[in-house]
Amino acid sequence: MTTYLSHDPMFKDDPRSSLPSKDREDSLRAIAYSLDCLIPGLYGWLGPIRLRLGGSLPEASYPGTLHSYAGVAIVLPGYRIYSTYQGDYDPR
């Protein structure tokens, strides 16, 4: 059995399929945009894993992102938000 360690530079040619880094960033931007605009949905992120049920795709000019490795959030109708993320959405 072979184990691939994606954080180890020795295993850069990991044969497992994964999202290109631009797609991973776009999915994180979509979550940030949805949270920033208080669009109802359920959101989660843990490293490269992203979950967005509801929400919206970001506008092309939206520069924001999330600055945490992991978190969950729920935005309810009526602009109620419950989130583990306490940072800002501004790019660094």
N, C-alpha and C. Protein backbone atom coordinates (compact mmCIF):
# COMPACT_ATOMS: atom_id res chain seq x y z
N MET A 1 0.85 -1.18 0.00
CA MET A 1 0.00 0.00 0.00
C MET A 1 0.89 1.24 0.00
N THR A 2 0.60 2.16 -0.87
CA THR A 2 1.38 3.38 -0.99
C THR A 2 0.62 4.52 -0.33
N THR A 3 1.30 5.31 0.48
CA THR A 3 0.71 6.48 1.10
C THR A 3 1.36 7.71 0.51
N TYR A 4 0.55 8.66 0.06
CA TYR A 4 1.06 9.89 -0.51
C TYR A 4 0.90 11.01 0.50
N LEU A 5 1.96 11.72 0.73
CA LEU A 5 1.95 12.85 1.64
C LEU A 5 2.06 14.11 0.80
N SER A 6 0.94 14.80 0.62
CA SER A 6 0.92 15.94 -0.29
C SER A 6 1.79 17.09 0.19
N HIS A 7 2.05 17.18 1.50
CA HIS A 7 2.87 18.29 2.00
C HIS A 7 4.37 18.00 1.88
N ASP A 8 4.71 16.76 1.54
CA ASP A 8 6.11 16.38 1.40
C ASP A 8 6.56 16.66 -0.04
N PRO A 9 7.61 17.49 -0.25
CA PRO A 9 8.03 17.83 -1.62
C PRO A 9 8.47 16.62 -2.42
N MET A 10 8.80 15.51 -1.75
CA MET A 10 9.23 14.31 -2.46
C MET A 10 8.07 13.71 -3.27
N PHE A 11 6.83 13.99 -2.89
CA PHE A 11 5.67 13.40 -3.53
C PHE A 11 4.90 14.41 -4.37
N LYS A 12 5.57 15.24 -5.11
CA LYS A 12 4.90 16.24 -5.94
C LYS A 12 4.13 15.62 -7.09
N ASP A 13 4.53 14.45 -7.56
CA ASP A 13 3.85 13.80 -8.67
C ASP A 13 2.79 12.83 -8.16
N ASP A 14 1.98 13.28 -7.27
CA ASP A 14 0.91 12.47 -6.69
C ASP A 14 -0.08 12.11 -7.80
N PRO A 15 -0.30 10.82 -8.07
CA PRO A 15 -1.18 10.43 -9.18
C PRO A 15 -2.66 10.65 -8.88
N ARG A 16 -3.01 10.91 -7.64
CA ARG A 16 -4.42 11.14 -7.33
C ARG A 16 -4.87 12.45 -7.96
N SER A 17 -6.10 12.46 -8.45
CA SER A 17 -6.61 13.69 -9.06
C SER A 17 -6.97 14.68 -7.96
N SER A 18 -6.74 15.92 -8.22
CA SER A 18 -7.11 16.98 -7.28
C SER A 18 -7.43 18.23 -8.10
N LEU A 19 -8.09 19.17 -7.44
CA LEU A 19 -8.40 20.42 -8.11
C LEU A 19 -7.14 21.24 -8.32
N PRO A 20 -7.01 21.87 -9.46
CA PRO A 20 -5.89 22.81 -9.63
C PRO A 20 -5.99 23.91 -8.58
N SER A 21 -4.87 24.51 -8.22
CA SER A 21 -4.87 25.50 -7.14
C SER A 21 -5.78 26.69 -7.44
N LYS A 22 -5.93 27.08 -8.72
CA LYS A 22 -6.83 28.18 -9.06
C LYS A 22 -8.27 27.82 -8.72
N ASP A 23 -8.69 26.58 -9.00
CA ASP A 23 -10.05 26.15 -8.68
C ASP A 23 -10.27 26.10 -7.17
N ARG A 24 -9.24 25.68 -6.42
CA ARG A 24 -9.34 25.67 -4.96
C ARG A 24 -9.49 27.09 -4.44
N GLU A 25 -8.72 28.03 -5.00
CA GLU A 25 -8.83 29.43 -4.58
C GLU A 25 -10.19 30.01 -4.96
N ASP A 26 -10.69 29.66 -6.14
CA ASP A 26 -12.00 30.15 -6.56
C ASP A 26 -13.10 29.64 -5.64
N SER A 27 -13.00 28.39 -5.21
CA SER A 27 -14.03 27.86 -4.32
C SER A 27 -13.95 28.54 -2.95
N LEU A 28 -12.75 28.87 -2.49
CA LEU A 28 -12.60 29.59 -1.23
C LEU A 28 -13.10 31.03 -1.37
N ARG A 29 -12.86 31.65 -2.52
CA ARG A 29 -13.38 33.00 -2.78
C ARG A 29 -14.90 33.00 -2.81
N ALA A 30 -15.50 31.93 -3.36
CA ALA A 30 -16.96 31.83 -3.41
C ALA A 30 -17.54 31.76 -2.00
N ILE A 31 -16.88 31.03 -1.11
CA ILE A 31 -17.34 30.97 0.27
C ILE A 31 -17.17 32.32 0.94
N ALA A 32 -16.02 32.95 0.75
CA ALA A 32 -15.78 34.27 1.34
C ALA A 32 -16.80 35.30 0.85
N TYR A 33 -17.07 35.28 -0.44
CA TYR A 33 -18.04 36.21 -1.02
C TYR A 33 -19.43 36.00 -0.43
N SER A 34 -19.83 34.74 -0.34
CA SER A 34 -21.15 34.41 0.20
C SER A 34 -21.28 34.83 1.65
N LEU A 35 -20.22 34.63 2.44
CA LEU A 35 -20.25 35.05 3.84
C LEU A 35 -20.24 36.57 3.94
N ASP A 36 -19.41 37.21 3.14
CA ASP A 36 -19.29 38.66 3.16
C ASP A 36 -20.60 39.34 2.78
N CYS A 37 -21.34 38.75 1.83
CA CYS A 37 -22.60 39.32 1.37
C CYS A 37 -23.81 38.77 2.14
N LEU A 38 -23.56 37.90 3.11
CA LEU A 38 -24.62 37.28 3.92
C LEU A 38 -25.65 36.55 3.06
N ILE A 39 -25.18 35.77 2.10
CA ILE A 39 -26.05 34.98 1.24
C ILE A 39 -26.34 33.66 1.96
N PRO A 40 -27.62 33.33 2.19
CA PRO A 40 -27.94 32.12 2.95
C PRO A 40 -27.30 30.86 2.39
N GLY A 41 -26.79 30.02 3.30
CA GLY A 41 -26.18 28.77 2.90
C GLY A 41 -25.42 28.14 4.06
N LEU A 42 -24.91 26.95 3.80
CA LEU A 42 -24.07 26.22 4.74
C LEU A 42 -22.69 26.10 4.11
N TYR A 43 -21.67 26.47 4.84
CA TYR A 43 -20.31 26.53 4.30
C TYR A 43 -19.34 25.81 5.22
N GLY A 44 -18.34 25.18 4.63
CA GLY A 44 -17.30 24.54 5.41
C GLY A 44 -16.03 24.45 4.60
N TRP A 45 -14.90 24.51 5.27
CA TRP A 45 -13.61 24.37 4.60
C TRP A 45 -12.63 23.76 5.59
N LEU A 46 -11.85 22.84 5.09
CA LEU A 46 -10.82 22.16 5.87
C LEU A 46 -9.68 21.84 4.92
N GLY A 47 -8.65 22.67 4.97
CA GLY A 47 -7.54 22.50 4.03
C GLY A 47 -8.03 22.60 2.60
N PRO A 48 -7.80 21.57 1.77
CA PRO A 48 -8.24 21.63 0.37
C PRO A 48 -9.71 21.25 0.17
N ILE A 49 -10.40 20.83 1.22
CA ILE A 49 -11.79 20.42 1.10
C ILE A 49 -12.70 21.63 1.30
N ARG A 50 -13.61 21.85 0.37
CA ARG A 50 -14.53 22.99 0.43
C ARG A 50 -15.96 22.48 0.29
N LEU A 51 -16.87 23.05 1.07
CA LEU A 51 -18.29 22.71 0.99
C LEU A 51 -19.08 24.01 0.95
N ARG A 52 -19.90 24.14 -0.08
CA ARG A 52 -20.76 25.32 -0.19
C ARG A 52 -22.13 24.86 -0.65
N LEU A 53 -23.09 24.85 0.28
CA LEU A 53 -24.47 24.53 -0.05
C LEU A 53 -25.25 25.83 0.02
N GLY A 54 -25.64 26.33 -1.12
CA GLY A 54 -26.25 27.65 -1.19
C GLY A 54 -25.18 28.64 -1.59
N GLY A 55 -25.37 29.87 -1.24
CA GLY A 55 -24.38 30.89 -1.57
C GLY A 55 -24.39 31.26 -3.03
N SER A 56 -23.28 31.87 -3.46
CA SER A 56 -23.19 32.38 -4.82
C SER A 56 -21.73 32.39 -5.27
N LEU A 57 -21.54 32.38 -6.57
CA LEU A 57 -20.20 32.55 -7.11
C LEU A 57 -19.80 34.02 -6.94
N PRO A 58 -18.51 34.29 -6.73
CA PRO A 58 -18.09 35.68 -6.54
C PRO A 58 -18.09 36.46 -7.85
N GLU A 59 -18.25 37.75 -7.72
CA GLU A 59 -18.09 38.62 -8.89
C GLU A 59 -16.62 38.56 -9.32
N ALA A 60 -16.38 38.80 -10.59
CA ALA A 60 -15.00 38.71 -11.12
C ALA A 60 -14.06 39.68 -10.42
N SER A 61 -14.57 40.80 -9.96
CA SER A 61 -13.72 41.82 -9.34
C SER A 61 -13.58 41.64 -7.83
N TYR A 62 -14.23 40.62 -7.25
CA TYR A 62 -14.18 40.43 -5.80
C TYR A 62 -12.80 39.88 -5.40
N PRO A 63 -12.02 40.61 -4.57
CA PRO A 63 -10.67 40.17 -4.23
C PRO A 63 -10.58 39.36 -2.94
N GLY A 64 -11.67 39.20 -2.21
CA GLY A 64 -11.62 38.61 -0.87
C GLY A 64 -11.30 37.14 -0.84
N THR A 65 -10.91 36.68 0.35
CA THR A 65 -10.64 35.27 0.61
C THR A 65 -10.74 35.02 2.11
N LEU A 66 -10.64 33.78 2.51
CA LEU A 66 -10.64 33.41 3.92
C LEU A 66 -9.20 33.15 4.34
N HIS A 67 -8.85 33.57 5.53
CA HIS A 67 -7.47 33.42 6.01
C HIS A 67 -7.38 32.41 7.14
N SER A 68 -8.09 31.31 7.01
CA SER A 68 -7.99 30.25 8.01
C SER A 68 -7.98 28.90 7.31
N TYR A 69 -7.36 27.94 7.98
CA TYR A 69 -7.22 26.59 7.42
C TYR A 69 -8.55 25.83 7.47
N ALA A 70 -9.34 26.07 8.51
CA ALA A 70 -10.58 25.33 8.69
C ALA A 70 -11.65 26.21 9.29
N GLY A 71 -12.89 25.89 8.97
CA GLY A 71 -14.01 26.62 9.57
C GLY A 71 -15.33 26.14 9.03
N VAL A 72 -16.38 26.51 9.73
CA VAL A 72 -17.74 26.23 9.30
C VAL A 72 -18.57 27.49 9.53
N ALA A 73 -19.60 27.64 8.74
CA ALA A 73 -20.48 28.80 8.89
C ALA A 73 -21.85 28.45 8.33
N ILE A 74 -22.84 29.08 8.90
CA ILE A 74 -24.20 28.99 8.37
C ILE A 74 -24.76 30.41 8.35
N VAL A 75 -25.35 30.76 7.21
CA VAL A 75 -26.02 32.05 7.07
C VAL A 75 -27.49 31.75 6.85
N LEU A 76 -28.32 32.30 7.72
CA LEU A 76 -29.75 32.08 7.65
C LEU A 76 -30.44 33.29 7.03
N PRO A 77 -31.62 33.08 6.46
CA PRO A 77 -32.38 34.23 5.95
C PRO A 77 -32.60 35.24 7.07
N GLY A 78 -32.63 36.49 6.73
CA GLY A 78 -32.76 37.54 7.75
C GLY A 78 -31.40 38.01 8.23
N TYR A 79 -30.35 37.65 7.49
CA TYR A 79 -28.98 38.11 7.76
C TYR A 79 -28.45 37.65 9.11
N ARG A 80 -28.80 36.42 9.52
CA ARG A 80 -28.25 35.83 10.74
C ARG A 80 -27.09 34.95 10.32
N ILE A 81 -25.91 35.17 10.91
CA ILE A 81 -24.73 34.39 10.57
C ILE A 81 -24.13 33.80 11.84
N TYR A 82 -23.78 32.52 11.73
CA TYR A 82 -23.08 31.82 12.81
C TYR A 82 -21.84 31.21 12.16
N SER A 83 -20.68 31.59 12.63
CA SER A 83 -19.44 31.18 11.97
C SER A 83 -18.30 31.01 12.97
N THR A 84 -17.43 30.05 12.67
CA THR A 84 -16.21 29.92 13.45
C THR A 84 -15.15 30.90 12.96
N TYR A 85 -15.36 31.47 11.77
CA TYR A 85 -14.38 32.40 11.19
C TYR A 85 -14.60 33.79 11.74
N GLN A 86 -13.57 34.37 12.33
CA GLN A 86 -13.68 35.69 12.94
C GLN A 86 -12.77 36.72 12.26
N GLY A 87 -12.13 36.34 11.16
CA GLY A 87 -11.21 37.24 10.48
C GLY A 87 -11.90 38.14 9.46
N ASP A 88 -11.08 38.80 8.66
CA ASP A 88 -11.61 39.65 7.59
C ASP A 88 -11.51 38.91 6.26
N TYR A 89 -12.07 39.51 5.23
CA TYR A 89 -12.08 38.89 3.90
C TYR A 89 -11.12 39.60 2.94
N ASP A 90 -10.40 40.58 3.43
CA ASP A 90 -9.51 41.37 2.59
C ASP A 90 -8.29 40.55 2.18
N PRO A 91 -7.81 40.74 0.94
CA PRO A 91 -6.59 40.03 0.53
C PRO A 91 -5.38 40.56 1.30
N ARG A 92 -4.40 39.71 1.47
CA ARG A 92 -3.17 40.12 2.19
C ARG A 92 -2.01 40.18 1.25
